[in-house]
Amino acid sequence: MALKTKFQYQEDFQHSSQPITTGTSILGLQFDQGVVIAADQLVSYGSMARFRDIQRVHRVNNRTILGCGGDYADYQYVLRMIEQKSIDESAYEDQYEISPSSLHCWLTRVQYNRRSKFDPLWCSWVVGGLDDNNKPFLGLADRLGTAYVSPHISSGFGNYLAIPLLREEYEKRDGKLTETEAIDILKNCLEVLYYRDARSWNKYNLAIVNQQGSKIEGPSSFVANGILLMKFPVMSDYNIFKQ
């Protein structure tokens, strides 16, 4: 009888790896009465634009919304836990709903716990809504468990392209944005990302929360500006590539 090896006593190995099906940037912006979160509908399979009608923003309850960038499978996994938490909360019948700050804190703990096990959830979460004092809240938690709160937030490639635009518009108006202005600013940022980020798409959803409640809008789309695209320099335009 052959001796058993150590591999015959162990179950399958699980290791963290690079995500396969991914969504790109999530954008968030506060306005005077609430928060808007925007995300395009593309989930890429590697570098292929495979799934083009995926909603990556979610309405948690009447005062809390969220969006997720990164691995879509991990997003679905955590979203099921969040939905179960909402069901458990409603079972108490105490009229209490999960607040955005509570959800943001919980997601931070979940992300950090998995990161500490060297098996991270490959997601960045943008959480928005109205807190217990009816003030707008907007926060981010990334795959390492790093978290912060800001009136303008982006994940992924939007950190480099969208945040400067969001910050400029927000500071120009001293933070006093209307809902319409906030939506227009986010649409402009989504268009810039569509021109510059190979993993973005021109169809998008908006999650909006205000004093009247929360809702998901879309899918909406915009038409690419061909004239603007022609003005963008390509790599061959730089002298380093010229003999």
C-alpha atoms as a PDB file:
ATOM      1  CA  MET A   1       0.000   0.000   0.000  1.00  0.00           C
ATOM      2  CA  ALA A   2       1.417   3.332  -1.041  1.00  0.00           C
ATOM      3  CA  LEU A   3       2.000   5.905   1.647  1.00  0.00           C
ATOM      4  CA  LYS A   4      -0.310   8.870   1.597  1.00  0.00           C
ATOM      5  CA  THR A   5       1.260  12.195   0.835  1.00  0.00           C
ATOM      6  CA  LYS A   6       0.469  15.374   2.723  1.00  0.00           C
ATOM      7  CA  PHE A   7      -1.629  16.560  -0.225  1.00  0.00           C
ATOM      8  CA  GLN A   8      -4.094  13.710   0.304  1.00  0.00           C
ATOM      9  CA  TYR A   9      -4.937  15.018   3.771  1.00  0.00           C
ATOM     10  CA  GLN A  10      -5.639  18.569   2.684  1.00  0.00           C
ATOM     11  CA  GLU A  11      -8.508  20.215   0.923  1.00  0.00           C
ATOM     12  CA  ASP A  12      -8.144  22.511  -2.063  1.00  0.00           C
ATOM     13  CA  PHE A  13      -5.776  25.419  -1.712  1.00  0.00           C
ATOM     14  CA  GLN A  14      -7.162  28.913  -2.055  1.00  0.00           C
ATOM     15  CA  HIS A  15      -4.955  31.828  -2.971  1.00  0.00           C
ATOM     16  CA  SER A  16      -5.633  35.468  -3.739  1.00  0.00           C
ATOM     17  CA  SER A  17      -5.036  36.404  -7.324  1.00  0.00           C
ATOM     18  CA  GLN A  18      -5.713  39.168  -9.763  1.00  0.00           C
ATOM     19  CA  PRO A  19      -9.428  39.668 -10.451  1.00  0.00           C
ATOM     20  CA  ILE A  20     -10.788  38.637 -13.852  1.00  0.00           C
ATOM     21  CA  THR A  21     -14.178  40.331 -14.290  1.00  0.00           C
ATOM     22  CA  THR A  22     -13.788  43.921 -13.146  1.00  0.00           C
ATOM     23  CA  GLY A  23     -15.533  47.262 -13.181  1.00  0.00           C
ATOM     24  CA  THR A  24     -13.650  50.525 -13.304  1.00  0.00           C
ATOM     25  CA  SER A  25     -14.134  53.855 -11.517  1.00  0.00           C
ATOM     26  CA  ILE A  26     -16.943  54.790  -9.126  1.00  0.00           C
ATOM     27  CA  LEU A  27     -17.609  58.521  -8.678  1.00  0.00           C
ATOM     28  CA  GLY A  28     -19.334  60.211  -5.753  1.00  0.00           C
ATOM     29  CA  LEU A  29     -20.248  63.837  -5.053  1.00  0.00           C
ATOM     30  CA  GLN A  30     -22.118  65.601  -2.263  1.00  0.00           C
ATOM     31  CA  PHE A  31     -24.663  68.327  -2.916  1.00  0.00           C
ATOM     32  CA  ASP A  32     -26.600  70.549  -0.528  1.00  0.00           C
ATOM     33  CA  GLN A  33     -29.401  68.049   0.157  1.00  0.00           C
ATOM     34  CA  GLY A  34     -27.772  64.683  -0.488  1.00  0.00           C
ATOM     35  CA  VAL A  35     -25.319  62.568  -2.468  1.00  0.00           C
ATOM     36  CA  VAL A  36     -24.947  61.243  -6.034  1.00  0.00           C
ATOM     37  CA  ILE A  37     -22.911  58.151  -6.941  1.00  0.00           C
ATOM     38  CA  ALA A  38     -22.210  57.316 -10.595  1.00  0.00           C
ATOM     39  CA  ALA A  39     -20.795  54.256 -12.355  1.00  0.00           C
ATOM     40  CA  ASP A  40     -20.668  53.050 -15.933  1.00  0.00           C
ATOM     41  CA  GLN A  41     -22.223  49.720 -16.920  1.00  0.00           C
ATOM     42  CA  LEU A  42     -19.142  47.935 -18.232  1.00  0.00           C
ATOM     43  CA  VAL A  43     -17.669  44.871 -16.541  1.00  0.00           C
ATOM     44  CA  SER A  44     -14.536  43.806 -18.406  1.00  0.00           C
ATOM     45  CA  TYR A  45     -13.331  40.218 -18.765  1.00  0.00           C
ATOM     46  CA  GLY A  46      -9.617  40.875 -18.572  1.00  0.00           C
ATOM     47  CA  SER A  47      -9.152  43.576 -21.212  1.00  0.00           C
ATOM     48  CA  MET A  48     -12.263  42.623 -23.198  1.00  0.00           C
ATOM     49  CA  ALA A  49     -15.398  44.770 -22.880  1.00  0.00           C
ATOM     50  CA  ARG A  50     -17.513  41.672 -22.241  1.00  0.00           C
ATOM     51  CA  PHE A  51     -20.528  42.669 -20.108  1.00  0.00           C
ATOM     52  CA  ARG A  52     -21.969  46.054 -21.059  1.00  0.00           C
ATOM     53  CA  ASP A  53     -25.224  46.265 -19.128  1.00  0.00           C
ATOM     54  CA  ILE A  54     -24.194  45.658 -15.505  1.00  0.00           C
ATOM     55  CA  GLN A  55     -25.464  47.960 -12.758  1.00  0.00           C
ATOM     56  CA  ARG A  56     -22.680  48.705 -10.266  1.00  0.00           C
ATOM     57  CA  VAL A  57     -24.605  51.072  -7.994  1.00  0.00           C
ATOM     58  CA  HIS A  58     -27.110  49.847  -5.424  1.00  0.00           C
ATOM     59  CA  ARG A  59     -29.886  51.262  -3.281  1.00  0.00           C
ATOM     60  CA  VAL A  60     -29.539  49.844   0.239  1.00  0.00           C
ATOM     61  CA  ASN A  61     -32.506  51.645   1.823  1.00  0.00           C
ATOM     62  CA  ASN A  62     -34.242  55.028   1.812  1.00  0.00           C
ATOM     63  CA  ARG A  63     -31.153  56.889   2.997  1.00  0.00           C
ATOM     64  CA  THR A  64     -28.162  54.772   1.962  1.00  0.00           C
ATOM     65  CA  ILE A  65     -26.663  54.039  -1.465  1.00  0.00           C
ATOM     66  CA  LEU A  66     -23.390  52.499  -2.593  1.00  0.00           C
ATOM     67  CA  GLY A  67     -21.256  51.766  -5.633  1.00  0.00           C
ATOM     68  CA  CYS A  68     -18.458  49.284  -6.189  1.00  0.00           C
ATOM     69  CA  GLY A  69     -15.432  49.104  -8.459  1.00  0.00           C
ATOM     70  CA  GLY A  70     -13.107  46.141  -8.840  1.00  0.00           C
ATOM     71  CA  ASP A  71     -13.912  42.434  -8.918  1.00  0.00           C
ATOM     72  CA  TYR A  72     -17.574  41.938  -9.763  1.00  0.00           C
ATOM     73  CA  ALA A  73     -17.805  38.498  -8.110  1.00  0.00           C
ATOM     74  CA  ASP A  74     -16.623  39.964  -4.800  1.00  0.00           C
ATOM     75  CA  TYR A  75     -19.163  42.768  -5.226  1.00  0.00           C
ATOM     76  CA  GLN A  76     -21.966  40.206  -5.589  1.00  0.00           C
ATOM     77  CA  TYR A  77     -20.699  38.279  -2.557  1.00  0.00           C
ATOM     78  CA  VAL A  78     -20.630  41.313  -0.258  1.00  0.00           C
ATOM     79  CA  LEU A  79     -23.891  42.673  -1.664  1.00  0.00           C
ATOM     80  CA  ARG A  80     -25.682  39.495  -0.570  1.00  0.00           C
ATOM     81  CA  MET A  81     -24.353  40.019   2.963  1.00  0.00           C
ATOM     82  CA  ILE A  82     -25.543  43.640   2.939  1.00  0.00           C
ATOM     83  CA  GLU A  83     -29.003  42.620   1.756  1.00  0.00           C
ATOM     84  CA  GLN A  84     -29.183  40.020   4.534  1.00  0.00           C
ATOM     85  CA  LYS A  85     -28.159  42.658   7.088  1.00  0.00           C
ATOM     86  CA  SER A  86     -31.012  44.858   5.848  1.00  0.00           C
ATOM     87  CA  ILE A  87     -33.459  41.962   6.253  1.00  0.00           C
ATOM     88  CA  ASP A  88     -32.182  41.281   9.768  1.00  0.00           C
ATOM     89  CA  GLU A  89     -32.556  44.963  10.695  1.00  0.00           C
ATOM     90  CA  SER A  90     -36.119  45.109   9.379  1.00  0.00           C
ATOM     91  CA  ALA A  91     -37.043  42.063  11.484  1.00  0.00           C
ATOM     92  CA  TYR A  92     -36.669  44.167  14.649  1.00  0.00           C
ATOM     93  CA  GLU A  93     -39.468  46.490  13.419  1.00  0.00           C
ATOM     94  CA  ASP A  94     -37.927  49.464  15.206  1.00  0.00           C
ATOM     95  CA  GLN A  95     -38.057  51.738  12.129  1.00  0.00           C
ATOM     96  CA  TYR A  96     -34.254  51.878  12.049  1.00  0.00           C
ATOM     97  CA  GLU A  97     -32.363  51.569   8.768  1.00  0.00           C
ATOM     98  CA  ILE A  98     -28.642  51.078   8.235  1.00  0.00           C
ATOM     99  CA  SER A  99     -27.043  54.510   8.056  1.00  0.00           C
ATOM    100  CA  PRO A 100     -24.337  55.280   5.472  1.00  0.00           C
ATOM    101  CA  SER A 101     -21.717  55.860   8.167  1.00  0.00           C
ATOM    102  CA  SER A 102     -22.552  52.506   9.796  1.00  0.00           C
ATOM    103  CA  LEU A 103     -22.352  50.685   6.462  1.00  0.00           C
ATOM    104  CA  HIS A 104     -19.084  52.436   5.627  1.00  0.00           C
ATOM    105  CA  CYS A 105     -17.595  51.381   8.969  1.00  0.00           C
ATOM    106  CA  TRP A 106     -18.799  47.783   8.529  1.00  0.00           C
ATOM    107  CA  LEU A 107     -17.378  47.537   4.998  1.00  0.00           C
ATOM    108  CA  THR A 108     -14.054  48.878   6.255  1.00  0.00           C
ATOM    109  CA  ARG A 109     -13.913  46.102   8.879  1.00  0.00           C
ATOM    110  CA  VAL A 110     -14.866  43.429   6.326  1.00  0.00           C
ATOM    111  CA  GLN A 111     -12.238  44.614   3.832  1.00  0.00           C
ATOM    112  CA  TYR A 112      -9.512  44.869   6.478  1.00  0.00           C
ATOM    113  CA  ASN A 113     -10.383  41.445   7.918  1.00  0.00           C
ATOM    114  CA  ARG A 114     -10.025  39.751   4.541  1.00  0.00           C
ATOM    115  CA  ARG A 115      -6.859  41.682   3.740  1.00  0.00           C
ATOM    116  CA  SER A 116      -5.348  40.521   7.056  1.00  0.00           C
ATOM    117  CA  LYS A 117      -5.988  36.911   5.996  1.00  0.00           C
ATOM    118  CA  PHE A 118      -4.073  37.573   2.755  1.00  0.00           C
ATOM    119  CA  ASP A 119      -7.278  36.858   0.854  1.00  0.00           C
ATOM    120  CA  PRO A 120      -8.613  40.347   0.074  1.00  0.00           C
ATOM    121  CA  LEU A 121     -11.939  41.223  -1.453  1.00  0.00           C
ATOM    122  CA  TRP A 122     -10.738  43.002  -4.584  1.00  0.00           C
ATOM    123  CA  CYS A 123     -13.206  45.880  -4.352  1.00  0.00           C
ATOM    124  CA  SER A 124     -13.374  49.584  -3.636  1.00  0.00           C
ATOM    125  CA  TRP A 125     -16.652  50.754  -2.118  1.00  0.00           C
ATOM    126  CA  VAL A 126     -18.173  54.228  -2.288  1.00  0.00           C
ATOM    127  CA  VAL A 127     -20.937  54.669   0.299  1.00  0.00           C
ATOM    128  CA  GLY A 128     -23.221  57.688   0.409  1.00  0.00           C
ATOM    129  CA  GLY A 129     -26.417  58.867   2.010  1.00  0.00           C
ATOM    130  CA  LEU A 130     -27.963  60.918   4.779  1.00  0.00           C
ATOM    131  CA  ASP A 131     -26.792  60.333   8.333  1.00  0.00           C
ATOM    132  CA  ASP A 132     -28.917  60.379  11.487  1.00  0.00           C
ATOM    133  CA  ASN A 133     -28.786  64.191  11.545  1.00  0.00           C
ATOM    134  CA  ASN A 134     -29.859  64.348   7.848  1.00  0.00           C
ATOM    135  CA  LYS A 135     -26.453  65.601   6.726  1.00  0.00           C
ATOM    136  CA  PRO A 136     -24.859  64.197   3.548  1.00  0.00           C
ATOM    137  CA  PHE A 137     -22.246  61.489   4.048  1.00  0.00           C
ATOM    138  CA  LEU A 138     -19.800  60.152   1.457  1.00  0.00           C
ATOM    139  CA  GLY A 139     -17.003  57.695   2.179  1.00  0.00           C
ATOM    140  CA  LEU A 140     -14.707  55.158   0.515  1.00  0.00           C
ATOM    141  CA  ALA A 141     -13.301  51.800   1.661  1.00  0.00           C
ATOM    142  CA  ASP A 142     -10.739  50.053  -0.543  1.00  0.00           C
ATOM    143  CA  ARG A 143      -9.477  46.464  -0.772  1.00  0.00           C
ATOM    144  CA  LEU A 144      -6.825  47.055   1.906  1.00  0.00           C
ATOM    145  CA  GLY A 145      -9.346  48.335   4.431  1.00  0.00           C
ATOM    146  CA  THR A 146      -8.184  51.920   4.024  1.00  0.00           C
ATOM    147  CA  ALA A 147     -11.107  54.285   4.510  1.00  0.00           C
ATOM    148  CA  TYR A 148     -11.793  58.000   4.424  1.00  0.00           C
ATOM    149  CA  VAL A 149     -14.662  60.472   4.135  1.00  0.00           C
ATOM    150  CA  SER A 150     -14.763  63.311   1.598  1.00  0.00           C
ATOM    151  CA  PRO A 151     -17.355  65.460  -0.227  1.00  0.00           C
ATOM    152  CA  HIS A 152     -15.940  64.204  -3.561  1.00  0.00           C
ATOM    153  CA  ILE A 153     -14.670  60.667  -4.062  1.00  0.00           C
ATOM    154  CA  SER A 154     -13.527  58.396  -6.854  1.00  0.00           C
ATOM    155  CA  SER A 155     -12.019  54.939  -7.093  1.00  0.00           C
ATOM    156  CA  GLY A 156      -9.823  53.345  -9.730  1.00  0.00           C
ATOM    157  CA  PHE A 157      -8.569  55.399 -12.656  1.00  0.00           C
ATOM    158  CA  GLY A 158     -10.908  58.208 -11.620  1.00  0.00           C
ATOM    159  CA  ASN A 159      -8.490  59.027  -8.797  1.00  0.00           C
ATOM    160  CA  TYR A 160      -6.191  60.528 -11.423  1.00  0.00           C
ATOM    161  CA  LEU A 161      -8.670  61.979 -13.909  1.00  0.00           C
ATOM    162  CA  ALA A 162     -11.937  62.695 -12.114  1.00  0.00           C
ATOM    163  CA  ILE A 163     -10.884  63.884  -8.655  1.00  0.00           C
ATOM    164  CA  PRO A 164      -9.183  67.081  -9.941  1.00  0.00           C
ATOM    165  CA  LEU A 165     -12.341  67.956 -11.887  1.00  0.00           C
ATOM    166  CA  LEU A 166     -14.636  67.171  -8.957  1.00  0.00           C
ATOM    167  CA  ARG A 167     -12.492  69.145  -6.530  1.00  0.00           C
ATOM    168  CA  GLU A 168     -12.285  72.146  -8.859  1.00  0.00           C
ATOM    169  CA  GLU A 169     -16.058  72.330  -9.368  1.00  0.00           C
ATOM    170  CA  TYR A 170     -16.813  71.716  -5.693  1.00  0.00           C
ATOM    171  CA  GLU A 171     -14.437  74.412  -4.463  1.00  0.00           C
ATOM    172  CA  LYS A 172     -15.521  76.852  -7.167  1.00  0.00           C
ATOM    173  CA  ARG A 173     -19.032  76.784  -5.665  1.00  0.00           C
ATOM    174  CA  ASP A 174     -17.820  76.653  -2.038  1.00  0.00           C
ATOM    175  CA  GLY A 175     -19.455  73.264  -1.653  1.00  0.00           C
ATOM    176  CA  LYS A 176     -22.921  74.640  -2.379  1.00  0.00           C
ATOM    177  CA  LEU A 177     -24.082  72.406  -5.207  1.00  0.00           C
ATOM    178  CA  THR A 178     -27.617  71.626  -6.254  1.00  0.00           C
ATOM    179  CA  GLU A 179     -28.623  68.116  -7.248  1.00  0.00           C
ATOM    180  CA  THR A 180     -28.758  69.086 -10.925  1.00  0.00           C
ATOM    181  CA  GLU A 181     -25.286  70.649 -10.792  1.00  0.00           C
ATOM    182  CA  ALA A 182     -23.831  67.574  -9.068  1.00  0.00           C
ATOM    183  CA  ILE A 183     -25.305  65.250 -11.703  1.00  0.00           C
ATOM    184  CA  ASP A 184     -23.971  67.416 -14.548  1.00  0.00           C
ATOM    185  CA  ILE A 185     -20.479  67.434 -13.017  1.00  0.00           C
ATOM    186  CA  LEU A 186     -20.471  63.653 -12.660  1.00  0.00           C
ATOM    187  CA  LYS A 187     -21.665  63.210 -16.234  1.00  0.00           C
ATOM    188  CA  ASN A 188     -18.771  65.363 -17.425  1.00  0.00           C
ATOM    189  CA  CYS A 189     -16.320  63.242 -15.414  1.00  0.00           C
ATOM    190  CA  LEU A 190     -17.784  60.023 -16.833  1.00  0.00           C
ATOM    191  CA  GLU A 191     -17.297  61.397 -20.334  1.00  0.00           C
ATOM    192  CA  VAL A 192     -13.662  62.266 -19.619  1.00  0.00           C
ATOM    193  CA  LEU A 193     -13.102  58.748 -18.269  1.00  0.00           C
ATOM    194  CA  TYR A 194     -14.700  57.271 -21.384  1.00  0.00           C
ATOM    195  CA  TYR A 195     -12.118  59.089 -23.526  1.00  0.00           C
ATOM    196  CA  ARG A 196      -9.141  58.223 -21.321  1.00  0.00           C
ATOM    197  CA  ASP A 197      -9.858  54.918 -19.546  1.00  0.00           C
ATOM    198  CA  ALA A 198      -9.874  51.815 -21.761  1.00  0.00           C
ATOM    199  CA  ARG A 199     -12.067  49.964 -19.210  1.00  0.00           C
ATOM    200  CA  SER A 200     -14.876  52.551 -19.148  1.00  0.00           C
ATOM    201  CA  TRP A 201     -18.105  52.784 -21.142  1.00  0.00           C
ATOM    202  CA  ASN A 202     -20.552  55.467 -22.285  1.00  0.00           C
ATOM    203  CA  LYS A 203     -23.589  53.932 -20.550  1.00  0.00           C
ATOM    204  CA  TYR A 204     -24.010  54.608 -16.855  1.00  0.00           C
ATOM    205  CA  ASN A 205     -26.280  54.540 -13.797  1.00  0.00           C
ATOM    206  CA  LEU A 206     -26.781  57.122 -11.077  1.00  0.00           C
ATOM    207  CA  ALA A 207     -27.675  56.423  -7.450  1.00  0.00           C
ATOM    208  CA  ILE A 208     -29.201  59.498  -5.810  1.00  0.00           C
ATOM    209  CA  VAL A 209     -30.218  60.084  -2.204  1.00  0.00           C
ATOM    210  CA  ASN A 210     -31.880  63.276  -0.959  1.00  0.00           C
ATOM    211  CA  GLN A 211     -34.446  64.384   1.621  1.00  0.00           C
ATOM    212  CA  GLN A 212     -37.214  62.600  -0.317  1.00  0.00           C
ATOM    213  CA  GLY A 213     -35.449  59.213  -0.336  1.00  0.00           C
ATOM    214  CA  SER A 214     -33.100  57.254  -2.583  1.00  0.00           C
ATOM    215  CA  LYS A 215     -33.379  56.003  -6.150  1.00  0.00           C
ATOM    216  CA  ILE A 216     -31.455  54.519  -9.071  1.00  0.00           C
ATOM    217  CA  GLU A 217     -31.578  56.363 -12.397  1.00  0.00           C
ATOM    218  CA  GLY A 218     -30.615  54.969 -15.771  1.00  0.00           C
ATOM    219  CA  PRO A 219     -29.212  53.423 -17.713  1.00  0.00           C
ATOM    220  CA  SER A 220     -28.331  56.623 -19.546  1.00  0.00           C
ATOM    221  CA  SER A 221     -25.719  57.257 -22.207  1.00  0.00           C
ATOM    222  CA  PHE A 222     -23.839  60.005 -23.992  1.00  0.00           C
ATOM    223  CA  VAL A 223     -22.474  60.290 -27.519  1.00  0.00           C
ATOM    224  CA  ALA A 224     -18.706  60.575 -27.863  1.00  0.00           C
ATOM    225  CA  ASN A 225     -17.423  63.904 -29.145  1.00  0.00           C
ATOM    226  CA  GLY A 226     -15.284  62.984 -32.158  1.00  0.00           C
ATOM    227  CA  ILE A 227     -13.849  66.502 -32.482  1.00  0.00           C
ATOM    228  CA  LEU A 228     -12.687  66.404 -28.875  1.00  0.00           C
ATOM    229  CA  LEU A 229     -11.150  62.966 -29.358  1.00  0.00           C
ATOM    230  CA  MET A 230      -9.096  64.221 -32.302  1.00  0.00           C
ATOM    231  CA  LYS A 231      -7.561  66.883 -30.054  1.00  0.00           C
ATOM    232  CA  PHE A 232      -6.183  64.316 -27.596  1.00  0.00           C
ATOM    233  CA  PRO A 233      -2.477  63.586 -28.261  1.00  0.00           C
ATOM    234  CA  VAL A 234      -1.459  60.005 -28.974  1.00  0.00           C
ATOM    235  CA  MET A 235       1.829  58.399 -27.985  1.00  0.00           C
ATOM    236  CA  SER A 236       3.302  58.809 -31.465  1.00  0.00           C
ATOM    237  CA  ASP A 237       2.963  62.597 -31.125  1.00  0.00           C
ATOM    238  CA  TYR A 238       5.686  62.756 -28.491  1.00  0.00           C
ATOM    239  CA  ASN A 239       9.274  63.409 -29.541  1.00  0.00           C
ATOM    240  CA  ILE A 240      10.564  60.365 -27.672  1.00  0.00           C
ATOM    241  CA  PHE A 241       9.050  58.154 -30.374  1.00  0.00           C
ATOM    242  CA  LYS A 242      10.444  60.198 -33.253  1.00  0.00           C
ATOM    243  CA  GLN A 243      13.813  59.501 -34.824  1.00  0.00           C
END
